[in-house]
N, C-alpha and C. Protein backbone atom coordinates (compact mmCIF):
# COMPACT_ATOMS: atom_id res chain seq x y z
N UNK A 1 1.28 -17.43 -14.54
CA UNK A 1 2.70 -17.33 -14.82
C UNK A 1 3.49 -17.34 -13.51
N UNK A 2 4.62 -18.03 -13.48
CA UNK A 2 5.47 -18.12 -12.30
C UNK A 2 6.42 -16.93 -12.31
N UNK A 3 6.52 -16.23 -11.18
CA UNK A 3 7.39 -15.07 -11.10
C UNK A 3 8.84 -15.51 -11.01
N UNK A 4 9.71 -14.88 -11.78
CA UNK A 4 11.14 -15.13 -11.75
C UNK A 4 11.74 -14.18 -10.74
N UNK A 5 12.70 -14.65 -9.95
CA UNK A 5 13.32 -13.80 -8.94
C UNK A 5 14.82 -13.76 -9.20
N UNK A 6 15.40 -12.55 -9.11
CA UNK A 6 16.84 -12.39 -9.35
C UNK A 6 17.61 -12.74 -8.08
N UNK A 7 18.93 -12.66 -8.16
CA UNK A 7 19.79 -12.95 -7.02
C UNK A 7 19.53 -11.99 -5.87
N UNK A 8 19.04 -10.80 -6.18
CA UNK A 8 18.76 -9.81 -5.13
C UNK A 8 17.41 -10.06 -4.47
N UNK A 9 16.67 -11.02 -4.99
CA UNK A 9 15.36 -11.32 -4.42
C UNK A 9 14.23 -10.56 -5.08
N UNK A 10 14.56 -9.71 -6.04
CA UNK A 10 13.53 -8.94 -6.75
C UNK A 10 13.24 -9.58 -8.10
N UNK A 11 12.02 -9.45 -8.51
CA UNK A 11 11.64 -9.92 -9.84
C UNK A 11 12.26 -8.98 -10.87
N UNK A 12 12.96 -9.50 -11.88
CA UNK A 12 13.59 -8.63 -12.88
C UNK A 12 12.54 -7.80 -13.64
N UNK A 13 12.97 -6.63 -14.07
CA UNK A 13 12.07 -5.72 -14.79
C UNK A 13 11.45 -6.39 -16.01
N UNK A 14 12.27 -7.08 -16.79
CA UNK A 14 11.75 -7.68 -18.03
C UNK A 14 10.67 -8.71 -17.74
N UNK A 15 10.78 -9.40 -16.61
CA UNK A 15 9.75 -10.38 -16.24
C UNK A 15 8.44 -9.67 -15.86
N UNK A 16 8.56 -8.54 -15.18
CA UNK A 16 7.37 -7.76 -14.81
C UNK A 16 6.71 -7.22 -16.07
N UNK A 17 7.52 -6.71 -16.99
CA UNK A 17 6.98 -6.19 -18.26
C UNK A 17 6.23 -7.30 -18.99
N UNK A 18 6.80 -8.49 -19.02
CA UNK A 18 6.12 -9.62 -19.68
C UNK A 18 4.78 -9.90 -19.03
N UNK A 19 4.74 -9.87 -17.71
CA UNK A 19 3.47 -10.11 -17.00
C UNK A 19 2.43 -9.05 -17.38
N UNK A 20 2.86 -7.80 -17.42
CA UNK A 20 1.94 -6.70 -17.76
C UNK A 20 1.41 -6.90 -19.18
N UNK A 21 2.31 -7.20 -20.10
CA UNK A 21 1.91 -7.38 -21.50
C UNK A 21 1.01 -8.60 -21.71
N UNK A 22 1.09 -9.54 -20.79
CA UNK A 22 0.22 -10.73 -20.86
C UNK A 22 -1.12 -10.49 -20.17
N UNK A 23 -1.35 -9.26 -19.72
CA UNK A 23 -2.66 -8.92 -19.16
C UNK A 23 -2.70 -8.68 -17.67
N UNK A 24 -1.60 -8.93 -16.99
CA UNK A 24 -1.55 -8.72 -15.54
C UNK A 24 -1.13 -7.27 -15.26
N UNK A 25 -2.01 -6.34 -15.59
CA UNK A 25 -1.67 -4.91 -15.53
C UNK A 25 -1.34 -4.42 -14.12
N UNK A 26 -1.84 -5.08 -13.10
CA UNK A 26 -1.52 -4.66 -11.73
C UNK A 26 -0.03 -4.81 -11.42
N UNK A 27 0.67 -5.66 -12.16
CA UNK A 27 2.10 -5.85 -11.95
C UNK A 27 2.89 -4.59 -12.29
N UNK A 28 2.31 -3.71 -13.09
CA UNK A 28 2.99 -2.46 -13.45
C UNK A 28 3.31 -1.64 -12.21
N UNK A 29 2.49 -1.80 -11.18
CA UNK A 29 2.70 -1.07 -9.92
C UNK A 29 4.09 -1.38 -9.34
N UNK A 30 4.58 -2.60 -9.57
CA UNK A 30 5.92 -2.97 -9.08
C UNK A 30 6.99 -2.09 -9.72
N UNK A 31 6.84 -1.81 -11.01
CA UNK A 31 7.80 -0.95 -11.71
C UNK A 31 7.67 0.50 -11.24
N UNK A 32 6.44 0.94 -11.02
CA UNK A 32 6.22 2.30 -10.52
C UNK A 32 6.88 2.44 -9.15
N UNK A 33 6.62 1.49 -8.26
CA UNK A 33 7.22 1.54 -6.92
C UNK A 33 8.74 1.50 -6.97
N UNK A 34 9.28 0.74 -7.90
CA UNK A 34 10.73 0.57 -8.01
C UNK A 34 11.42 1.83 -8.51
N UNK A 35 10.77 2.58 -9.42
CA UNK A 35 11.46 3.69 -10.09
C UNK A 35 10.85 5.07 -9.88
N UNK A 36 9.78 5.18 -9.12
CA UNK A 36 9.15 6.50 -9.00
C UNK A 36 10.07 7.53 -8.34
N UNK A 37 10.92 7.11 -7.42
CA UNK A 37 11.82 8.05 -6.76
C UNK A 37 12.81 8.66 -7.77
N UNK A 38 13.36 7.83 -8.65
CA UNK A 38 14.31 8.33 -9.65
C UNK A 38 13.62 9.26 -10.65
N UNK A 39 12.41 8.89 -11.06
CA UNK A 39 11.67 9.74 -12.00
C UNK A 39 11.30 11.05 -11.32
N UNK A 40 10.92 10.99 -10.05
CA UNK A 40 10.59 12.22 -9.31
C UNK A 40 11.81 13.13 -9.21
N UNK A 41 12.99 12.55 -8.94
CA UNK A 41 14.21 13.36 -8.85
C UNK A 41 14.47 14.11 -10.15
N UNK A 42 14.29 13.43 -11.27
CA UNK A 42 14.46 14.09 -12.56
C UNK A 42 13.36 15.13 -12.76
N UNK A 43 12.14 14.79 -12.40
CA UNK A 43 11.01 15.72 -12.52
C UNK A 43 11.20 16.97 -11.69
N UNK A 44 11.83 16.82 -10.52
CA UNK A 44 12.07 17.98 -9.66
C UNK A 44 13.05 18.95 -10.31
N UNK A 45 13.87 18.46 -11.21
CA UNK A 45 14.80 19.34 -11.93
C UNK A 45 14.09 20.11 -13.04
N UNK A 46 12.97 19.59 -13.50
CA UNK A 46 12.19 20.26 -14.55
C UNK A 46 11.13 21.18 -13.97
N UNK A 47 10.78 21.02 -12.70
CA UNK A 47 9.65 21.75 -12.12
C UNK A 47 10.03 22.39 -10.79
N UNK A 48 9.35 23.47 -10.48
CA UNK A 48 9.61 24.21 -9.26
C UNK A 48 8.89 23.63 -8.05
N UNK A 49 7.72 23.08 -8.24
CA UNK A 49 6.95 22.60 -7.08
C UNK A 49 6.91 21.08 -7.05
N UNK A 50 6.79 20.55 -5.84
CA UNK A 50 6.69 19.10 -5.66
C UNK A 50 5.42 18.58 -6.33
N UNK A 51 4.37 19.39 -6.29
CA UNK A 51 3.10 18.99 -6.91
C UNK A 51 3.25 18.83 -8.42
N UNK A 52 3.93 19.78 -9.06
CA UNK A 52 4.17 19.68 -10.51
C UNK A 52 5.07 18.48 -10.83
N UNK A 53 6.07 18.26 -9.98
CA UNK A 53 6.96 17.11 -10.19
C UNK A 53 6.20 15.80 -10.04
N UNK A 54 5.26 15.75 -9.10
CA UNK A 54 4.46 14.54 -8.92
C UNK A 54 3.54 14.31 -10.13
N UNK A 55 2.97 15.39 -10.67
CA UNK A 55 2.16 15.27 -11.89
C UNK A 55 3.02 14.73 -13.04
N UNK A 56 4.23 15.25 -13.12
CA UNK A 56 5.19 14.81 -14.14
C UNK A 56 5.44 13.30 -14.01
N UNK A 57 5.63 12.82 -12.78
CA UNK A 57 5.88 11.39 -12.54
C UNK A 57 4.72 10.56 -13.07
N UNK A 58 3.51 10.99 -12.75
CA UNK A 58 2.32 10.26 -13.21
C UNK A 58 2.25 10.25 -14.74
N UNK A 59 2.53 11.39 -15.36
CA UNK A 59 2.50 11.48 -16.81
C UNK A 59 3.54 10.55 -17.45
N UNK A 60 4.74 10.52 -16.86
CA UNK A 60 5.81 9.67 -17.39
C UNK A 60 5.43 8.20 -17.31
N UNK A 61 4.92 7.77 -16.16
CA UNK A 61 4.56 6.36 -16.01
C UNK A 61 3.37 5.99 -16.90
N UNK A 62 2.46 6.92 -17.10
CA UNK A 62 1.34 6.66 -18.02
C UNK A 62 1.86 6.51 -19.45
N UNK A 63 2.76 7.42 -19.84
CA UNK A 63 3.35 7.36 -21.18
C UNK A 63 4.11 6.05 -21.38
N UNK A 64 4.88 5.66 -20.37
CA UNK A 64 5.64 4.41 -20.45
C UNK A 64 4.70 3.20 -20.56
N UNK A 65 3.61 3.23 -19.80
CA UNK A 65 2.64 2.13 -19.85
C UNK A 65 2.03 2.02 -21.25
N UNK A 66 1.69 3.17 -21.82
CA UNK A 66 1.09 3.19 -23.16
C UNK A 66 2.06 2.69 -24.23
N UNK A 67 3.36 2.84 -23.97
CA UNK A 67 4.38 2.45 -24.95
C UNK A 67 5.09 1.15 -24.57
N UNK A 68 4.58 0.45 -23.60
CA UNK A 68 5.26 -0.72 -23.07
C UNK A 68 5.59 -1.76 -24.15
N UNK A 69 4.76 -1.88 -25.15
CA UNK A 69 5.02 -2.85 -26.23
C UNK A 69 6.26 -2.45 -27.05
N UNK A 70 6.67 -1.19 -26.97
CA UNK A 70 7.85 -0.73 -27.71
C UNK A 70 9.15 -1.04 -26.96
N UNK A 71 9.03 -1.37 -25.69
CA UNK A 71 10.23 -1.69 -24.89
C UNK A 71 10.86 -2.98 -25.40
N UNK A 72 12.15 -2.91 -25.70
CA UNK A 72 12.89 -4.11 -26.12
C UNK A 72 13.49 -4.74 -24.88
N UNK A 73 13.12 -5.94 -24.61
CA UNK A 73 13.53 -6.60 -23.36
C UNK A 73 15.02 -6.87 -23.29
N UNK A 74 15.72 -6.71 -24.40
CA UNK A 74 17.18 -6.90 -24.37
C UNK A 74 17.86 -5.71 -23.71
N UNK A 75 17.18 -4.56 -23.65
CA UNK A 75 17.74 -3.37 -23.01
C UNK A 75 17.25 -3.24 -21.58
N UNK A 76 17.85 -2.32 -20.84
CA UNK A 76 17.44 -2.10 -19.45
C UNK A 76 16.16 -1.28 -19.41
N UNK A 77 15.19 -1.72 -18.64
CA UNK A 77 13.94 -0.99 -18.50
C UNK A 77 14.19 0.39 -17.90
N UNK A 78 15.08 0.46 -16.92
CA UNK A 78 15.39 1.74 -16.27
C UNK A 78 15.85 2.78 -17.29
N UNK A 79 16.76 2.40 -18.17
CA UNK A 79 17.26 3.34 -19.18
C UNK A 79 16.15 3.77 -20.12
N UNK A 80 15.33 2.82 -20.53
CA UNK A 80 14.20 3.11 -21.42
C UNK A 80 13.22 4.07 -20.74
N UNK A 81 12.90 3.82 -19.49
CA UNK A 81 11.99 4.67 -18.73
C UNK A 81 12.56 6.07 -18.55
N UNK A 82 13.84 6.16 -18.19
CA UNK A 82 14.44 7.48 -17.97
C UNK A 82 14.56 8.27 -19.26
N UNK A 83 14.71 7.59 -20.38
CA UNK A 83 14.71 8.29 -21.67
C UNK A 83 13.34 8.91 -21.93
N UNK A 84 12.28 8.17 -21.62
CA UNK A 84 10.92 8.71 -21.75
C UNK A 84 10.76 9.90 -20.81
N UNK A 85 11.24 9.75 -19.58
CA UNK A 85 11.12 10.82 -18.58
C UNK A 85 11.87 12.07 -19.03
N UNK A 86 13.09 11.89 -19.52
CA UNK A 86 13.88 13.02 -19.97
C UNK A 86 13.20 13.72 -21.15
N UNK A 87 12.78 12.95 -22.13
CA UNK A 87 12.12 13.55 -23.31
C UNK A 87 10.84 14.27 -22.92
N UNK A 88 10.09 13.70 -21.99
CA UNK A 88 8.85 14.34 -21.54
C UNK A 88 9.16 15.67 -20.85
N UNK A 89 10.19 15.68 -20.03
CA UNK A 89 10.59 16.92 -19.37
C UNK A 89 11.06 17.97 -20.37
N UNK A 90 11.83 17.55 -21.36
CA UNK A 90 12.31 18.49 -22.37
C UNK A 90 11.15 19.02 -23.20
N UNK A 91 10.17 18.18 -23.49
CA UNK A 91 8.98 18.63 -24.22
C UNK A 91 8.24 19.70 -23.42
N UNK A 92 8.12 19.48 -22.12
CA UNK A 92 7.41 20.46 -21.27
C UNK A 92 8.17 21.78 -21.23
N UNK A 93 9.49 21.71 -21.16
CA UNK A 93 10.29 22.94 -21.14
C UNK A 93 10.15 23.67 -22.47
N UNK A 94 10.20 22.94 -23.57
CA UNK A 94 10.07 23.57 -24.89
C UNK A 94 8.74 24.29 -25.02
N UNK A 95 7.69 23.72 -24.48
CA UNK A 95 6.37 24.36 -24.54
C UNK A 95 6.34 25.63 -23.71
N UNK A 96 7.17 25.68 -22.68
CA UNK A 96 7.19 26.86 -21.81
C UNK A 96 8.31 27.83 -22.21
N UNK A 97 8.95 27.60 -23.34
CA UNK A 97 10.03 28.47 -23.84
C UNK A 97 11.25 28.45 -22.92
N UNK A 98 11.52 27.34 -22.26
CA UNK A 98 12.68 27.14 -21.41
C UNK A 98 12.84 28.20 -20.32
N UNK A 99 11.84 28.42 -19.47
CA UNK A 99 11.97 29.43 -18.44
C UNK A 99 12.91 29.04 -17.31
N UNK A 100 13.22 27.77 -17.16
CA UNK A 100 14.03 27.34 -16.03
C UNK A 100 15.42 27.94 -16.06
N UNK A 101 16.04 28.03 -17.23
CA UNK A 101 17.39 28.57 -17.31
C UNK A 101 17.44 30.00 -16.81
N UNK A 102 16.51 30.82 -17.19
CA UNK A 102 16.51 32.22 -16.79
C UNK A 102 16.35 32.36 -15.29
N UNK A 103 15.64 31.47 -14.65
CA UNK A 103 15.42 31.57 -13.22
C UNK A 103 16.63 31.10 -12.42
N UNK A 104 17.52 30.36 -13.02
CA UNK A 104 18.64 29.79 -12.28
C UNK A 104 19.90 30.66 -12.32
N UNK A 105 19.93 31.69 -13.15
CA UNK A 105 21.18 32.40 -13.38
C UNK A 105 21.62 33.28 -12.22
N UNK A 106 20.74 34.10 -11.68
CA UNK A 106 21.10 35.03 -10.61
C UNK A 106 20.43 34.65 -9.30
N UNK A 107 21.01 35.10 -8.18
CA UNK A 107 20.37 34.87 -6.90
C UNK A 107 19.01 35.57 -6.85
N UNK A 108 18.06 35.07 -6.05
CA UNK A 108 16.71 35.62 -6.00
C UNK A 108 16.62 37.12 -5.72
N UNK A 109 17.51 37.68 -4.88
CA UNK A 109 17.38 39.09 -4.53
C UNK A 109 17.65 40.02 -5.72
N UNK A 110 18.33 39.54 -6.74
CA UNK A 110 18.61 40.36 -7.91
C UNK A 110 17.49 40.30 -8.95
N UNK A 111 16.53 39.42 -8.76
CA UNK A 111 15.45 39.27 -9.73
C UNK A 111 14.51 40.46 -9.75
N UNK A 112 14.49 41.24 -8.71
CA UNK A 112 13.56 42.38 -8.66
C UNK A 112 14.04 43.53 -9.54
N UNK A 113 15.32 43.59 -9.83
CA UNK A 113 15.89 44.65 -10.64
C UNK A 113 15.52 44.41 -12.11
N UNK A 114 14.73 45.31 -12.73
CA UNK A 114 14.28 45.12 -14.12
C UNK A 114 15.44 45.00 -15.11
N UNK A 115 16.50 45.78 -14.90
CA UNK A 115 17.63 45.72 -15.82
C UNK A 115 18.32 44.36 -15.75
N UNK A 116 18.53 43.87 -14.53
CA UNK A 116 19.14 42.56 -14.34
C UNK A 116 18.26 41.47 -14.95
N UNK A 117 16.96 41.59 -14.75
CA UNK A 117 16.02 40.61 -15.29
C UNK A 117 16.08 40.60 -16.83
N UNK A 118 16.13 41.77 -17.44
CA UNK A 118 16.18 41.86 -18.90
C UNK A 118 17.49 41.27 -19.44
N UNK A 119 18.60 41.57 -18.77
CA UNK A 119 19.89 41.03 -19.19
C UNK A 119 19.92 39.51 -19.03
N UNK A 120 19.36 39.04 -17.94
CA UNK A 120 19.31 37.60 -17.69
C UNK A 120 18.49 36.89 -18.78
N UNK A 121 17.36 37.47 -19.15
CA UNK A 121 16.52 36.87 -20.19
C UNK A 121 17.23 36.86 -21.54
N UNK A 122 17.94 37.95 -21.83
CA UNK A 122 18.70 38.02 -23.08
C UNK A 122 19.82 36.97 -23.08
N UNK A 123 20.51 36.85 -21.96
CA UNK A 123 21.57 35.84 -21.84
C UNK A 123 21.01 34.44 -22.01
N UNK A 124 19.86 34.23 -21.42
CA UNK A 124 19.21 32.92 -21.52
C UNK A 124 18.88 32.60 -22.97
N UNK A 125 18.34 33.57 -23.68
CA UNK A 125 17.99 33.36 -25.10
C UNK A 125 19.24 33.07 -25.93
N UNK A 126 20.31 33.82 -25.68
CA UNK A 126 21.56 33.59 -26.41
C UNK A 126 22.07 32.17 -26.15
N UNK A 127 22.01 31.77 -24.90
CA UNK A 127 22.47 30.44 -24.54
C UNK A 127 21.59 29.37 -25.17
N UNK A 128 20.29 29.57 -25.16
CA UNK A 128 19.37 28.62 -25.78
C UNK A 128 19.68 28.45 -27.27
N UNK A 129 19.91 29.56 -27.96
CA UNK A 129 20.21 29.50 -29.39
C UNK A 129 21.53 28.77 -29.63
N UNK A 130 22.52 29.04 -28.78
CA UNK A 130 23.82 28.38 -28.93
C UNK A 130 23.69 26.87 -28.69
N UNK A 131 22.93 26.48 -27.69
CA UNK A 131 22.73 25.05 -27.40
C UNK A 131 21.96 24.39 -28.54
N UNK A 132 20.99 25.10 -29.11
CA UNK A 132 20.19 24.55 -30.21
C UNK A 132 21.05 24.26 -31.44
N UNK A 133 22.18 24.95 -31.57
CA UNK A 133 23.08 24.73 -32.70
C UNK A 133 23.97 23.50 -32.52
N UNK A 134 24.03 22.98 -31.30
CA UNK A 134 24.84 21.79 -31.03
C UNK A 134 24.15 20.55 -31.58
N UNK A 135 24.93 19.51 -31.88
CA UNK A 135 24.29 18.24 -32.26
C UNK A 135 23.38 17.78 -31.11
N UNK A 136 22.23 17.19 -31.40
CA UNK A 136 21.28 16.82 -30.34
C UNK A 136 21.87 16.02 -29.17
N UNK A 137 22.73 15.01 -29.41
CA UNK A 137 23.26 14.29 -28.24
C UNK A 137 24.10 15.20 -27.33
N UNK A 138 24.90 16.07 -27.93
CA UNK A 138 25.73 16.98 -27.14
C UNK A 138 24.86 17.98 -26.38
N UNK A 139 23.83 18.49 -27.03
CA UNK A 139 22.92 19.44 -26.38
C UNK A 139 22.24 18.79 -25.18
N UNK A 140 21.76 17.57 -25.35
CA UNK A 140 21.10 16.87 -24.24
C UNK A 140 22.07 16.64 -23.09
N UNK A 141 23.28 16.22 -23.41
CA UNK A 141 24.27 15.94 -22.36
C UNK A 141 24.64 17.19 -21.58
N UNK A 142 24.88 18.29 -22.28
CA UNK A 142 25.30 19.50 -21.57
C UNK A 142 24.16 20.09 -20.75
N UNK A 143 22.94 20.00 -21.25
CA UNK A 143 21.80 20.50 -20.47
C UNK A 143 21.61 19.70 -19.19
N UNK A 144 21.67 18.39 -19.31
CA UNK A 144 21.50 17.54 -18.12
C UNK A 144 22.64 17.74 -17.13
N UNK A 145 23.86 17.87 -17.64
CA UNK A 145 25.02 17.99 -16.78
C UNK A 145 25.07 19.35 -16.07
N UNK A 146 24.95 20.43 -16.81
CA UNK A 146 25.09 21.75 -16.21
C UNK A 146 23.80 22.30 -15.60
N UNK A 147 22.70 22.21 -16.31
CA UNK A 147 21.49 22.88 -15.85
C UNK A 147 20.64 22.03 -14.92
N UNK A 148 20.79 20.71 -15.03
CA UNK A 148 20.01 19.85 -14.15
C UNK A 148 20.88 19.19 -13.09
N UNK A 149 22.18 19.44 -13.14
CA UNK A 149 23.09 18.98 -12.10
C UNK A 149 23.30 17.47 -12.04
N UNK A 150 23.04 16.77 -13.12
CA UNK A 150 23.25 15.32 -13.12
C UNK A 150 24.74 15.03 -13.29
N UNK A 151 25.19 13.92 -12.74
CA UNK A 151 26.57 13.48 -12.94
C UNK A 151 26.69 12.86 -14.33
N UNK A 152 27.92 12.63 -14.77
CA UNK A 152 28.13 11.98 -16.07
C UNK A 152 27.41 10.63 -16.10
N UNK A 153 27.52 9.90 -15.01
CA UNK A 153 26.89 8.57 -14.93
C UNK A 153 25.36 8.69 -15.02
N UNK A 154 24.78 9.68 -14.34
CA UNK A 154 23.33 9.89 -14.39
C UNK A 154 22.89 10.32 -15.79
N UNK A 155 23.69 11.16 -16.43
CA UNK A 155 23.37 11.57 -17.81
C UNK A 155 23.39 10.33 -18.71
N UNK A 156 24.38 9.48 -18.51
CA UNK A 156 24.48 8.25 -19.29
C UNK A 156 23.25 7.38 -19.12
N UNK A 157 22.83 7.19 -17.88
CA UNK A 157 21.65 6.36 -17.63
C UNK A 157 20.39 6.98 -18.22
N UNK A 158 20.29 8.30 -18.14
CA UNK A 158 19.10 9.00 -18.63
C UNK A 158 18.99 8.97 -20.15
N UNK A 159 20.12 9.14 -20.82
CA UNK A 159 20.10 9.24 -22.28
C UNK A 159 20.40 7.93 -22.99
N UNK A 160 21.00 6.99 -22.27
CA UNK A 160 21.41 5.74 -22.91
C UNK A 160 22.74 5.87 -23.64
N UNK A 161 23.43 6.98 -23.46
CA UNK A 161 24.73 7.22 -24.10
C UNK A 161 25.82 6.74 -23.13
N UNK A 162 26.84 6.01 -23.60
CA UNK A 162 27.91 5.54 -22.71
C UNK A 162 28.58 6.70 -21.96
N UNK A 163 29.04 6.43 -20.73
CA UNK A 163 29.61 7.47 -19.86
C UNK A 163 30.75 8.23 -20.53
N UNK A 164 31.69 7.52 -21.14
CA UNK A 164 32.82 8.21 -21.78
C UNK A 164 32.37 9.09 -22.94
N UNK A 165 31.35 8.67 -23.64
CA UNK A 165 30.80 9.48 -24.73
C UNK A 165 30.11 10.72 -24.15
N UNK A 166 29.43 10.56 -23.02
CA UNK A 166 28.81 11.71 -22.34
C UNK A 166 29.89 12.72 -21.97
N UNK A 167 30.98 12.25 -21.38
CA UNK A 167 32.09 13.14 -20.99
C UNK A 167 32.62 13.89 -22.21
N UNK A 168 32.78 13.16 -23.31
CA UNK A 168 33.26 13.77 -24.55
C UNK A 168 32.28 14.81 -25.08
N UNK A 169 30.98 14.47 -25.08
CA UNK A 169 29.95 15.43 -25.54
C UNK A 169 29.97 16.69 -24.68
N UNK A 170 30.06 16.53 -23.36
CA UNK A 170 30.05 17.68 -22.45
C UNK A 170 31.27 18.55 -22.71
N UNK A 171 32.44 17.94 -22.83
CA UNK A 171 33.67 18.70 -23.06
C UNK A 171 33.62 19.46 -24.39
N UNK A 172 33.23 18.77 -25.46
CA UNK A 172 33.16 19.43 -26.78
C UNK A 172 32.09 20.52 -26.81
N UNK A 173 30.94 20.23 -26.20
CA UNK A 173 29.85 21.23 -26.18
C UNK A 173 30.29 22.45 -25.39
N UNK A 174 30.98 22.23 -24.30
CA UNK A 174 31.48 23.33 -23.47
C UNK A 174 32.44 24.21 -24.29
N UNK A 175 33.34 23.56 -25.04
CA UNK A 175 34.29 24.30 -25.87
C UNK A 175 33.57 25.09 -26.97
N UNK A 176 32.60 24.45 -27.62
CA UNK A 176 31.85 25.14 -28.69
C UNK A 176 31.05 26.31 -28.13
N UNK A 177 30.43 26.11 -26.98
CA UNK A 177 29.63 27.19 -26.38
C UNK A 177 30.52 28.35 -25.97
N UNK A 178 31.70 28.04 -25.44
CA UNK A 178 32.63 29.10 -25.04
C UNK A 178 32.98 29.98 -26.24
N UNK A 179 33.27 29.34 -27.37
CA UNK A 179 33.61 30.08 -28.59
C UNK A 179 32.39 30.84 -29.10
N UNK A 180 31.26 30.16 -29.15
CA UNK A 180 30.02 30.76 -29.69
C UNK A 180 29.53 31.94 -28.86
N UNK A 181 29.71 31.87 -27.54
CA UNK A 181 29.18 32.91 -26.66
C UNK A 181 30.21 34.00 -26.32
N UNK A 182 31.42 33.87 -26.83
CA UNK A 182 32.46 34.87 -26.55
C UNK A 182 31.97 36.25 -26.97
N UNK A 183 32.07 37.20 -26.07
CA UNK A 183 31.67 38.57 -26.36
C UNK A 183 30.18 38.84 -26.25
N UNK A 184 29.40 37.88 -25.80
CA UNK A 184 27.96 38.09 -25.65
C UNK A 184 27.61 38.28 -24.17
N UNK A 185 26.39 38.69 -23.94
CA UNK A 185 25.90 38.86 -22.57
C UNK A 185 25.91 37.52 -21.84
N UNK A 186 25.60 36.45 -22.55
CA UNK A 186 25.54 35.12 -21.93
C UNK A 186 26.88 34.72 -21.34
N UNK A 187 27.97 35.21 -21.92
CA UNK A 187 29.30 34.88 -21.41
C UNK A 187 29.45 35.36 -19.97
N UNK A 188 28.84 36.49 -19.64
CA UNK A 188 28.92 37.04 -18.28
C UNK A 188 28.04 36.30 -17.29
N UNK A 189 27.02 35.62 -17.77
CA UNK A 189 26.05 34.99 -16.88
C UNK A 189 26.24 33.50 -16.68
N UNK A 190 27.06 32.88 -17.49
CA UNK A 190 27.23 31.43 -17.39
C UNK A 190 28.71 31.09 -17.36
N UNK A 191 29.08 30.31 -16.39
CA UNK A 191 30.46 29.84 -16.32
C UNK A 191 30.55 28.51 -17.05
N UNK A 192 31.20 28.53 -18.20
CA UNK A 192 31.34 27.30 -18.99
C UNK A 192 32.77 26.83 -18.95
């Protein structure tokens, strides 16, 4: 097969995917090299150590490789890959009962205080329950925006939701959470 080259001099993602699906599995390395930094950045938001984030990257690319036949070439490979990466990260957090939120609320020196730790965990649980009540797209957008520090544009690329819709989801979710958490411990621990 003859490699197609874009105006930037790089072979387009869809052409690489076609090569891989036709049996040239070594071509997948081109996609890994092209996107591993972005997947690692997202993985670093889900994990505390670089080693865990690197494991996450490998798992995401393996999962994407196994599902490569499901990729629709009319869409962007990057968006498809980041959706897999995001879902994989959220699955890992769900299995761990979302410990990342509780660790991010207070500065490290306050973590030694048992009362502060208990309040933080309670606030985290309240916030988790409130987010779980949101429609799934809004919940995903607000988690990525606030807890993972992604920009609206990055949330859009990760979820495949248009940027203006992401902004709308974040704004509405923020308003709903403010109302839902009014008078709770979580209100004191999270600035919404």
